[in-house]
Amino acid sequence: MAGGTLDLSVLAHLRLSAASGLVLQGPTLWVVADDALALHAYDLAGVWQSQIVLLPGSLPSDEKKRKKRKPDFEALLALPDGALLALGSGSKAQRQRGCCVREGSVQVIDLAPLYEALAQQFQELNIEGAVIHGGHLILAQRGNGAGGENALVFLELAQALADIAAGQLSAVGLRHSLPVSLGEVQGVPLSLTDLCTGPNGQLFFSAAAEATDSSYLDGQCLGSVLGCFSADYAVAWQRPLAPLVKVEGLAFQADGRLLLVADADDPEQPAPLFALDGVLLQQHRG
């Protein structure tokens, strides 16, 4: 893999373990976890502020039972009106729900109409990232399951917003999908874990090399990368990240500083919050 390693600085350890999505709004970092039922708010230093319950009830403490029942919120994005949208991965039937949070009020979103259509395109559906970019709502299909299919899925934004207002995401706004080739780390394929927009409008991605051939079962992580797409959504560049963690969430500050969260796949380990200096990132890109 060309280019030098990007060294991340640890800012804090969060009050959740399986951090999977990150959005920055002003002084607030919103974090969603794939094994939890609440959206957490932190300040820019990683100090916990509050939480918003997305779904009622509770999840079992037993790891296997929790995995079976969790909604698997893997993607988090901000909508144009400032609302936040958390999306289930779709890797199992109970993971086809999303939650739209607007001014503290939560609306459950049925993702099945869209995900059933996407399941016809991919051998093993696993949505892990989402972002608004170029007039589309773009989803990241993570290729860590059968077929190794990494892809960007493009939804027409106006239709997607109308769908969300009606409590669902449908296939009506589905435009096309683009396969994404990322290479390997130590023989293990890289697969997409998140998308975010940079300060100058570029589309960035994270990807992890996880030794598993299942979108359901976790495996050993052999490394993560940060990369950027070109204007036509080809991979322009990617760089390995240190330390060795499974990066699953990205958010840029206006000054170009990048914040990242990782999932240790261990409920006893708090998720780390990292920072990458914008100047350092500029030095390593291209």
C-alpha atoms as a PDB file:
ATOM      1  CA  MET A   1       0.000   0.000   0.000  1.00  0.00           C
ATOM      2  CA  ALA A   2       1.601   3.259  -1.127  1.00  0.00           C
ATOM      3  CA  GLY A   3       2.096   6.197   1.205  1.00  0.00           C
ATOM      4  CA  GLY A   4       3.039   6.546   4.850  1.00  0.00           C
ATOM      5  CA  THR A   5       1.083   5.501   7.898  1.00  0.00           C
ATOM      6  CA  LEU A   6      -1.205   8.066   9.518  1.00  0.00           C
ATOM      7  CA  ASP A   7      -0.665   8.158  13.290  1.00  0.00           C
ATOM      8  CA  LEU A   8      -3.783   8.798  15.357  1.00  0.00           C
ATOM      9  CA  SER A   9      -3.799  10.542  18.743  1.00  0.00           C
ATOM     10  CA  VAL A  10      -6.065   9.216  21.489  1.00  0.00           C
ATOM     11  CA  LEU A  11      -8.389  11.901  22.856  1.00  0.00           C
ATOM     12  CA  ALA A  12     -10.590   9.852  25.182  1.00  0.00           C
ATOM     13  CA  HIS A  13     -12.307   6.564  25.848  1.00  0.00           C
ATOM     14  CA  LEU A  14     -16.079   6.682  25.507  1.00  0.00           C
ATOM     15  CA  ARG A  15     -18.952   5.375  27.627  1.00  0.00           C
ATOM     16  CA  LEU A  16     -19.800   2.695  25.074  1.00  0.00           C
ATOM     17  CA  SER A  17     -17.783  -0.080  23.467  1.00  0.00           C
ATOM     18  CA  ALA A  18     -18.947  -0.822  19.931  1.00  0.00           C
ATOM     19  CA  ALA A  19     -18.779   2.705  18.461  1.00  0.00           C
ATOM     20  CA  SER A  20     -19.903   2.520  14.849  1.00  0.00           C
ATOM     21  CA  GLY A  21     -20.978   5.977  13.666  1.00  0.00           C
ATOM     22  CA  LEU A  22     -19.899   9.555  14.326  1.00  0.00           C
ATOM     23  CA  VAL A  23     -21.379  12.958  13.440  1.00  0.00           C
ATOM     24  CA  LEU A  24     -20.089  16.375  14.506  1.00  0.00           C
ATOM     25  CA  GLN A  25     -22.598  19.211  14.959  1.00  0.00           C
ATOM     26  CA  GLY A  26     -21.073  22.390  16.366  1.00  0.00           C
ATOM     27  CA  PRO A  27     -19.597  21.544  19.787  1.00  0.00           C
ATOM     28  CA  THR A  28     -21.319  18.157  19.964  1.00  0.00           C
ATOM     29  CA  LEU A  29     -20.079  14.759  18.865  1.00  0.00           C
ATOM     30  CA  TRP A  30     -22.891  12.296  18.309  1.00  0.00           C
ATOM     31  CA  VAL A  31     -21.890   8.637  18.560  1.00  0.00           C
ATOM     32  CA  VAL A  32     -23.959   5.540  17.837  1.00  0.00           C
ATOM     33  CA  ALA A  33     -22.945   1.997  18.785  1.00  0.00           C
ATOM     34  CA  ASP A  34     -23.943  -1.170  16.987  1.00  0.00           C
ATOM     35  CA  ASP A  35     -24.868  -2.965  20.229  1.00  0.00           C
ATOM     36  CA  ALA A  36     -26.817  -0.208  22.000  1.00  0.00           C
ATOM     37  CA  LEU A  37     -30.248   1.410  21.867  1.00  0.00           C
ATOM     38  CA  ALA A  38     -29.222   5.031  22.496  1.00  0.00           C
ATOM     39  CA  LEU A  39     -27.469   7.871  20.696  1.00  0.00           C
ATOM     40  CA  HIS A  40     -24.713   9.410  22.845  1.00  0.00           C
ATOM     41  CA  ALA A  41     -23.562  13.039  22.899  1.00  0.00           C
ATOM     42  CA  TYR A  42     -19.977  14.051  23.797  1.00  0.00           C
ATOM     43  CA  ASP A  43     -18.041  17.280  23.729  1.00  0.00           C
ATOM     44  CA  LEU A  44     -14.995  17.683  21.479  1.00  0.00           C
ATOM     45  CA  ALA A  45     -12.712  16.324  24.208  1.00  0.00           C
ATOM     46  CA  GLY A  46     -14.743  13.125  24.416  1.00  0.00           C
ATOM     47  CA  VAL A  47     -16.515  13.974  27.685  1.00  0.00           C
ATOM     48  CA  TRP A  48     -19.989  12.420  27.850  1.00  0.00           C
ATOM     49  CA  GLN A  49     -22.865  14.933  27.881  1.00  0.00           C
ATOM     50  CA  SER A  50     -26.174  13.103  27.431  1.00  0.00           C
ATOM     51  CA  GLN A  51     -28.007  10.418  25.481  1.00  0.00           C
ATOM     52  CA  ILE A  52     -31.187   9.985  23.447  1.00  0.00           C
ATOM     53  CA  VAL A  53     -32.968   6.638  23.577  1.00  0.00           C
ATOM     54  CA  LEU A  54     -33.570   5.411  20.021  1.00  0.00           C
ATOM     55  CA  LEU A  55     -35.541   2.248  20.729  1.00  0.00           C
ATOM     56  CA  PRO A  56     -37.366   1.233  23.930  1.00  0.00           C
ATOM     57  CA  GLY A  57     -36.438  -1.733  26.094  1.00  0.00           C
ATOM     58  CA  SER A  58     -33.068  -3.223  26.928  1.00  0.00           C
ATOM     59  CA  LEU A  59     -30.591  -5.686  25.463  1.00  0.00           C
ATOM     60  CA  PRO A  60     -29.271  -8.829  27.205  1.00  0.00           C
ATOM     61  CA  SER A  61     -25.875  -8.566  28.881  1.00  0.00           C
ATOM     62  CA  ASP A  62     -24.874 -11.979  27.544  1.00  0.00           C
ATOM     63  CA  GLU A  63     -22.709 -11.296  24.480  1.00  0.00           C
ATOM     64  CA  LYS A  64     -24.253 -13.909  22.160  1.00  0.00           C
ATOM     65  CA  LYS A  65     -27.833 -13.053  23.099  1.00  0.00           C
ATOM     66  CA  ARG A  66     -27.094  -9.332  22.758  1.00  0.00           C
ATOM     67  CA  LYS A  67     -25.604  -9.841  19.296  1.00  0.00           C
ATOM     68  CA  LYS A  68     -28.696 -11.748  18.207  1.00  0.00           C
ATOM     69  CA  ARG A  69     -31.131  -9.047  19.350  1.00  0.00           C
ATOM     70  CA  LYS A  70     -29.259  -5.802  18.741  1.00  0.00           C
ATOM     71  CA  PRO A  71     -30.559  -3.397  16.036  1.00  0.00           C
ATOM     72  CA  ASP A  72     -26.978  -3.078  14.726  1.00  0.00           C
ATOM     73  CA  PHE A  73     -26.895   0.673  14.135  1.00  0.00           C
ATOM     74  CA  GLU A  74     -23.785   0.887  11.943  1.00  0.00           C
ATOM     75  CA  ALA A  75     -24.248   4.215  10.140  1.00  0.00           C
ATOM     76  CA  LEU A  76     -25.010   7.729  11.357  1.00  0.00           C
ATOM     77  CA  LEU A  77     -25.439  10.853   9.238  1.00  0.00           C
ATOM     78  CA  ALA A  78     -26.803  14.375   9.489  1.00  0.00           C
ATOM     79  CA  LEU A  79     -29.691  15.344   7.200  1.00  0.00           C
ATOM     80  CA  PRO A  80     -29.895  18.813   5.592  1.00  0.00           C
ATOM     81  CA  ASP A  81     -32.281  20.089   8.283  1.00  0.00           C
ATOM     82  CA  GLY A  82     -29.936  18.993  11.071  1.00  0.00           C
ATOM     83  CA  ALA A  83     -31.803  15.815  11.964  1.00  0.00           C
ATOM     84  CA  LEU A  84     -29.696  12.722  12.638  1.00  0.00           C
ATOM     85  CA  LEU A  85     -30.358   9.396  10.956  1.00  0.00           C
ATOM     86  CA  ALA A  86     -29.057   6.102  12.398  1.00  0.00           C
ATOM     87  CA  LEU A  87     -29.279   3.091  10.088  1.00  0.00           C
ATOM     88  CA  GLY A  88     -29.266  -0.602  10.872  1.00  0.00           C
ATOM     89  CA  SER A  89     -26.895  -2.721   8.830  1.00  0.00           C
ATOM     90  CA  GLY A  90     -29.531  -4.943   7.215  1.00  0.00           C
ATOM     91  CA  SER A  91     -27.341  -8.008   7.778  1.00  0.00           C
ATOM     92  CA  LYS A  92     -30.269  -9.741   9.536  1.00  0.00           C
ATOM     93  CA  ALA A  93     -34.046  -9.168   9.454  1.00  0.00           C
ATOM     94  CA  GLN A  94     -34.092  -7.412  12.852  1.00  0.00           C
ATOM     95  CA  ARG A  95     -31.412  -5.020  11.600  1.00  0.00           C
ATOM     96  CA  GLN A  96     -33.645  -3.334   9.022  1.00  0.00           C
ATOM     97  CA  ARG A  97     -34.680  -0.393  11.201  1.00  0.00           C
ATOM     98  CA  GLY A  98     -33.401   3.138  11.345  1.00  0.00           C
ATOM     99  CA  CYS A  99     -34.102   6.038  13.689  1.00  0.00           C
ATOM    100  CA  CYS A 100     -34.448   9.699  12.736  1.00  0.00           C
ATOM    101  CA  VAL A 101     -33.761  12.110  15.608  1.00  0.00           C
ATOM    102  CA  ARG A 102     -35.139  15.606  15.133  1.00  0.00           C
ATOM    103  CA  GLU A 103     -35.079  18.114  18.009  1.00  0.00           C
ATOM    104  CA  GLY A 104     -34.941  15.288  20.522  1.00  0.00           C
ATOM    105  CA  SER A 105     -37.891  13.404  19.040  1.00  0.00           C
ATOM    106  CA  VAL A 106     -37.265   9.908  17.606  1.00  0.00           C
ATOM    107  CA  GLN A 107     -39.032   8.498  14.534  1.00  0.00           C
ATOM    108  CA  VAL A 108     -38.470   4.831  13.689  1.00  0.00           C
ATOM    109  CA  ILE A 109     -37.719   4.317   9.992  1.00  0.00           C
ATOM    110  CA  ASP A 110     -38.549   1.082   8.158  1.00  0.00           C
ATOM    111  CA  LEU A 111     -35.540   0.198   6.002  1.00  0.00           C
ATOM    112  CA  ALA A 112     -36.922  -3.111   4.706  1.00  0.00           C
ATOM    113  CA  PRO A 113     -38.324  -1.756   1.397  1.00  0.00           C
ATOM    114  CA  LEU A 114     -34.870  -0.513   0.376  1.00  0.00           C
ATOM    115  CA  TYR A 115     -32.841  -3.278   1.968  1.00  0.00           C
ATOM    116  CA  GLU A 116     -34.897  -6.016   0.320  1.00  0.00           C
ATOM    117  CA  ALA A 117     -34.083  -4.473  -3.050  1.00  0.00           C
ATOM    118  CA  LEU A 118     -30.394  -4.169  -2.161  1.00  0.00           C
ATOM    119  CA  ALA A 119     -30.343  -7.804  -1.040  1.00  0.00           C
ATOM    120  CA  GLN A 120     -30.987  -8.671  -4.673  1.00  0.00           C
ATOM    121  CA  GLN A 121     -27.775  -6.847  -5.650  1.00  0.00           C
ATOM    122  CA  PHE A 122     -25.382  -8.124  -2.978  1.00  0.00           C
ATOM    123  CA  GLN A 123     -24.731 -11.647  -1.765  1.00  0.00           C
ATOM    124  CA  GLU A 124     -24.561 -10.442   1.835  1.00  0.00           C
ATOM    125  CA  LEU A 125     -25.981  -6.992   2.603  1.00  0.00           C
ATOM    126  CA  ASN A 126     -24.136  -5.006   5.281  1.00  0.00           C
ATOM    127  CA  ILE A 127     -24.637  -1.212   5.295  1.00  0.00           C
ATOM    128  CA  GLU A 128     -21.932   0.375   7.464  1.00  0.00           C
ATOM    129  CA  GLY A 129     -21.739   4.024   6.450  1.00  0.00           C
ATOM    130  CA  ALA A 130     -23.882   6.819   5.031  1.00  0.00           C
ATOM    131  CA  VAL A 131     -23.401  10.413   3.959  1.00  0.00           C
ATOM    132  CA  ILE A 132     -25.045  13.125   1.861  1.00  0.00           C
ATOM    133  CA  HIS A 133     -22.831  14.048  -1.068  1.00  0.00           C
ATOM    134  CA  GLY A 134     -23.398  15.427  -4.576  1.00  0.00           C
ATOM    135  CA  GLY A 135     -27.188  15.440  -4.407  1.00  0.00           C
ATOM    136  CA  HIS A 136     -27.350  11.852  -3.196  1.00  0.00           C
ATOM    137  CA  LEU A 137     -27.674   9.945   0.024  1.00  0.00           C
ATOM    138  CA  ILE A 138     -24.787   7.493  -0.364  1.00  0.00           C
ATOM    139  CA  LEU A 139     -24.634   4.226   1.555  1.00  0.00           C
ATOM    140  CA  ALA A 140     -21.469   2.187   2.091  1.00  0.00           C
ATOM    141  CA  GLN A 141     -21.947  -1.529   1.510  1.00  0.00           C
ATOM    142  CA  ARG A 142     -19.248  -3.326   3.490  1.00  0.00           C
ATOM    143  CA  GLY A 143     -17.835  -6.345   1.735  1.00  0.00           C
ATOM    144  CA  ASN A 144     -16.793  -8.407   4.745  1.00  0.00           C
ATOM    145  CA  GLY A 145     -19.290 -11.149   3.946  1.00  0.00           C
ATOM    146  CA  ALA A 146     -19.888 -13.548   1.081  1.00  0.00           C
ATOM    147  CA  GLY A 147     -18.579 -12.205  -2.216  1.00  0.00           C
ATOM    148  CA  GLY A 148     -16.475  -9.448  -0.633  1.00  0.00           C
ATOM    149  CA  GLU A 149     -18.650  -6.806  -2.278  1.00  0.00           C
ATOM    150  CA  ASN A 150     -17.661  -3.268  -1.272  1.00  0.00           C
ATOM    151  CA  ALA A 151     -19.839  -0.681  -2.973  1.00  0.00           C
ATOM    152  CA  LEU A 152     -21.283   2.815  -2.865  1.00  0.00           C
ATOM    153  CA  VAL A 153     -25.084   2.832  -3.162  1.00  0.00           C
ATOM    154  CA  PHE A 154     -26.601   6.051  -4.503  1.00  0.00           C
ATOM    155  CA  LEU A 155     -30.095   7.196  -3.491  1.00  0.00           C
ATOM    156  CA  GLU A 156     -31.635  10.329  -5.010  1.00  0.00           C
ATOM    157  CA  LEU A 157     -31.631  12.751  -2.077  1.00  0.00           C
ATOM    158  CA  ALA A 158     -35.038  14.411  -2.528  1.00  0.00           C
ATOM    159  CA  GLN A 159     -36.778  11.029  -2.758  1.00  0.00           C
ATOM    160  CA  ALA A 160     -34.858   9.695   0.238  1.00  0.00           C
ATOM    161  CA  LEU A 161     -35.855  12.713   2.352  1.00  0.00           C
ATOM    162  CA  ALA A 162     -39.507  12.312   1.317  1.00  0.00           C
ATOM    163  CA  ASP A 163     -39.310   8.627   2.226  1.00  0.00           C
ATOM    164  CA  ILE A 164     -37.806   9.371   5.631  1.00  0.00           C
ATOM    165  CA  ALA A 165     -40.552  11.892   6.371  1.00  0.00           C
ATOM    166  CA  ALA A 166     -43.017   9.080   5.625  1.00  0.00           C
ATOM    167  CA  GLY A 167     -41.215   6.698   7.979  1.00  0.00           C
ATOM    168  CA  GLN A 168     -39.321   4.483   5.553  1.00  0.00           C
ATOM    169  CA  LEU A 169     -36.581   4.205   2.973  1.00  0.00           C
ATOM    170  CA  SER A 170     -37.845   2.771  -0.291  1.00  0.00           C
ATOM    171  CA  ALA A 171     -36.203   1.566  -3.490  1.00  0.00           C
ATOM    172  CA  VAL A 172     -37.900   4.341  -5.494  1.00  0.00           C
ATOM    173  CA  GLY A 173     -34.901   6.642  -5.092  1.00  0.00           C
ATOM    174  CA  LEU A 174     -32.312   3.927  -5.748  1.00  0.00           C
ATOM    175  CA  ARG A 175     -30.179   5.096  -8.662  1.00  0.00           C
ATOM    176  CA  HIS A 176     -27.114   2.866  -8.968  1.00  0.00           C
ATOM    177  CA  SER A 177     -24.292   1.137  -7.128  1.00  0.00           C
ATOM    178  CA  LEU A 178     -20.560   1.398  -7.758  1.00  0.00           C
ATOM    179  CA  PRO A 179     -18.159  -1.380  -6.738  1.00  0.00           C
ATOM    180  CA  VAL A 180     -15.163  -0.247  -4.680  1.00  0.00           C
ATOM    181  CA  SER A 181     -11.795  -2.039  -4.775  1.00  0.00           C
ATOM    182  CA  LEU A 182      -9.629  -1.542  -1.685  1.00  0.00           C
ATOM    183  CA  GLY A 183      -6.976  -4.256  -1.634  1.00  0.00           C
ATOM    184  CA  GLU A 184      -5.807  -6.297   1.351  1.00  0.00           C
ATOM    185  CA  VAL A 185      -3.837  -6.198   4.596  1.00  0.00           C
ATOM    186  CA  GLN A 186      -1.785  -9.346   5.278  1.00  0.00           C
ATOM    187  CA  GLY A 187      -3.988 -11.254   2.862  1.00  0.00           C
ATOM    188  CA  VAL A 188      -7.255 -10.080   4.458  1.00  0.00           C
ATOM    189  CA  PRO A 189      -9.495  -7.919   2.226  1.00  0.00           C
ATOM    190  CA  LEU A 190     -10.282  -4.377   3.327  1.00  0.00           C
ATOM    191  CA  SER A 191     -13.976  -3.506   3.614  1.00  0.00           C
ATOM    192  CA  LEU A 192     -15.738  -0.162   3.972  1.00  0.00           C
ATOM    193  CA  THR A 193     -16.728   0.951   7.490  1.00  0.00           C
ATOM    194  CA  ASP A 194     -17.772   4.615   7.099  1.00  0.00           C
ATOM    195  CA  LEU A 195     -18.112   7.648   4.824  1.00  0.00           C
ATOM    196  CA  CYS A 196     -17.824  11.358   5.575  1.00  0.00           C
ATOM    197  CA  THR A 197     -17.404  14.657   3.748  1.00  0.00           C
ATOM    198  CA  GLY A 198     -14.187  16.646   4.164  1.00  0.00           C
ATOM    199  CA  PRO A 199     -13.910  20.428   4.614  1.00  0.00           C
ATOM    200  CA  ASN A 200     -13.500  20.962   0.850  1.00  0.00           C
ATOM    201  CA  GLY A 201     -16.297  18.627  -0.135  1.00  0.00           C
ATOM    202  CA  GLN A 202     -14.193  15.525  -0.817  1.00  0.00           C
ATOM    203  CA  LEU A 203     -15.699  12.169   0.083  1.00  0.00           C
ATOM    204  CA  PHE A 204     -13.560  10.257   2.596  1.00  0.00           C
ATOM    205  CA  PHE A 205     -13.884   6.661   3.720  1.00  0.00           C
ATOM    206  CA  SER A 206     -12.563   4.296   6.343  1.00  0.00           C
ATOM    207  CA  ALA A 207     -12.067   0.580   5.802  1.00  0.00           C
ATOM    208  CA  ALA A 208     -10.920  -2.324   7.960  1.00  0.00           C
ATOM    209  CA  ALA A 209      -9.321  -5.689   7.280  1.00  0.00           C
ATOM    210  CA  GLU A 210     -11.257  -8.086   9.489  1.00  0.00           C
ATOM    211  CA  ALA A 211     -10.500 -11.804   9.282  1.00  0.00           C
ATOM    212  CA  THR A 212     -14.048 -13.045   8.761  1.00  0.00           C
ATOM    213  CA  ASP A 213     -16.139 -14.115   5.784  1.00  0.00           C
ATOM    214  CA  SER A 214     -19.390 -13.184   7.526  1.00  0.00           C
ATOM    215  CA  SER A 215     -21.249  -9.899   7.913  1.00  0.00           C
ATOM    216  CA  TYR A 216     -22.574 -11.282  11.227  1.00  0.00           C
ATOM    217  CA  LEU A 217     -19.539 -12.854  12.916  1.00  0.00           C
ATOM    218  CA  ASP A 218     -16.611 -10.681  14.026  1.00  0.00           C
ATOM    219  CA  GLY A 219     -13.004 -11.577  13.323  1.00  0.00           C
ATOM    220  CA  GLN A 220      -9.512 -10.383  14.164  1.00  0.00           C
ATOM    221  CA  CYS A 221      -8.821  -6.910  12.797  1.00  0.00           C
ATOM    222  CA  LEU A 222      -5.477  -6.673  11.014  1.00  0.00           C
ATOM    223  CA  GLY A 223      -5.635  -2.951  10.326  1.00  0.00           C
ATOM    224  CA  SER A 224      -7.647   0.019   9.108  1.00  0.00           C
ATOM    225  CA  VAL A 225      -7.147   2.623   6.415  1.00  0.00           C
ATOM    226  CA  LEU A 226      -8.336   6.126   5.664  1.00  0.00           C
ATOM    227  CA  GLY A 227      -8.933   7.065   2.058  1.00  0.00           C
ATOM    228  CA  CYS A 228     -10.512   9.580  -0.285  1.00  0.00           C
ATOM    229  CA  PHE A 229     -12.598   9.215  -3.439  1.00  0.00           C
ATOM    230  CA  SER A 230     -12.058  11.268  -6.585  1.00  0.00           C
ATOM    231  CA  ALA A 231     -14.831  13.304  -8.202  1.00  0.00           C
ATOM    232  CA  ASP A 232     -15.985  10.216 -10.132  1.00  0.00           C
ATOM    233  CA  TYR A 233     -15.927   8.058  -6.963  1.00  0.00           C
ATOM    234  CA  ALA A 234     -12.808   6.099  -7.791  1.00  0.00           C
ATOM    235  CA  VAL A 235     -10.372   5.587  -4.897  1.00  0.00           C
ATOM    236  CA  ALA A 236      -7.922   8.495  -5.192  1.00  0.00           C
ATOM    237  CA  TRP A 237      -5.683   7.415  -2.296  1.00  0.00           C
ATOM    238  CA  GLN A 238      -5.685   5.452   0.946  1.00  0.00           C
ATOM    239  CA  ARG A 239      -3.297   5.269   3.888  1.00  0.00           C
ATOM    240  CA  PRO A 240      -2.906   2.791   6.759  1.00  0.00           C
ATOM    241  CA  LEU A 241      -3.763   3.982  10.259  1.00  0.00           C
ATOM    242  CA  ALA A 242      -1.924   3.425  13.527  1.00  0.00           C
ATOM    243  CA  PRO A 243      -2.534   2.108  16.125  1.00  0.00           C
ATOM    244  CA  LEU A 244      -4.087  -1.138  14.918  1.00  0.00           C
ATOM    245  CA  VAL A 245      -7.817  -0.697  15.605  1.00  0.00           C
ATOM    246  CA  LYS A 246     -11.067  -1.232  13.696  1.00  0.00           C
ATOM    247  CA  VAL A 247     -12.028   2.338  12.761  1.00  0.00           C
ATOM    248  CA  GLU A 248     -15.789   2.609  12.204  1.00  0.00           C
ATOM    249  CA  GLY A 249     -16.664   6.314  12.407  1.00  0.00           C
ATOM    250  CA  LEU A 250     -15.317   9.536  10.853  1.00  0.00           C
ATOM    251  CA  ALA A 251     -16.143  13.246  11.281  1.00  0.00           C
ATOM    252  CA  PHE A 252     -14.219  16.334  10.182  1.00  0.00           C
ATOM    253  CA  GLN A 253     -13.961  19.584  12.071  1.00  0.00           C
ATOM    254  CA  ALA A 254     -14.085  22.772  10.004  1.00  0.00           C
ATOM    255  CA  ASP A 255     -10.316  23.304  10.455  1.00  0.00           C
ATOM    256  CA  GLY A 256      -9.535  19.971   8.790  1.00  0.00           C
ATOM    257  CA  ARG A 257      -8.940  17.990  11.972  1.00  0.00           C
ATOM    258  CA  LEU A 258     -10.396  14.497  11.666  1.00  0.00           C
ATOM    259  CA  LEU A 259     -12.088  12.680  14.546  1.00  0.00           C
ATOM    260  CA  LEU A 260     -12.417   8.895  14.487  1.00  0.00           C
ATOM    261  CA  VAL A 261     -13.975   6.206  16.669  1.00  0.00           C
ATOM    262  CA  ALA A 262     -13.128   2.509  16.766  1.00  0.00           C
ATOM    263  CA  ASP A 263     -14.847  -0.693  17.851  1.00  0.00           C
ATOM    264  CA  ALA A 264     -12.775  -3.208  19.826  1.00  0.00           C
ATOM    265  CA  ASP A 265     -15.433  -5.957  19.444  1.00  0.00           C
ATOM    266  CA  ASP A 266     -15.171  -6.432  23.210  1.00  0.00           C
ATOM    267  CA  PRO A 267     -17.977  -5.184  25.504  1.00  0.00           C
ATOM    268  CA  GLU A 268     -15.465  -4.784  28.325  1.00  0.00           C
ATOM    269  CA  GLN A 269     -13.326  -2.338  26.337  1.00  0.00           C
ATOM    270  CA  PRO A 270     -14.488   1.301  25.961  1.00  0.00           C
ATOM    271  CA  ALA A 271     -14.373   2.665  22.430  1.00  0.00           C
ATOM    272  CA  PRO A 272     -11.463   5.040  21.784  1.00  0.00           C
ATOM    273  CA  LEU A 273     -11.921   8.498  20.291  1.00  0.00           C
ATOM    274  CA  PHE A 274      -9.002   9.530  18.074  1.00  0.00           C
ATOM    275  CA  ALA A 275      -7.891  12.693  16.328  1.00  0.00           C
ATOM    276  CA  LEU A 276      -5.802  13.194  13.194  1.00  0.00           C
ATOM    277  CA  ASP A 277      -4.286  16.624  12.701  1.00  0.00           C
ATOM    278  CA  GLY A 278      -5.392  18.290   9.475  1.00  0.00           C
ATOM    279  CA  VAL A 279      -1.849  19.385   8.578  1.00  0.00           C
ATOM    280  CA  LEU A 280      -0.574  15.819   8.980  1.00  0.00           C
ATOM    281  CA  LEU A 281      -3.382  14.559   6.766  1.00  0.00           C
ATOM    282  CA  GLN A 282      -2.515  17.070   4.061  1.00  0.00           C
ATOM    283  CA  GLN A 283       1.133  15.977   4.137  1.00  0.00           C
ATOM    284  CA  HIS A 284       0.225  12.341   3.492  1.00  0.00           C
ATOM    285  CA  ARG A 285      -2.495  12.655   0.874  1.00  0.00           C
ATOM    286  CA  GLY A 286      -2.041  12.241  -2.846  1.00  0.00           C
END
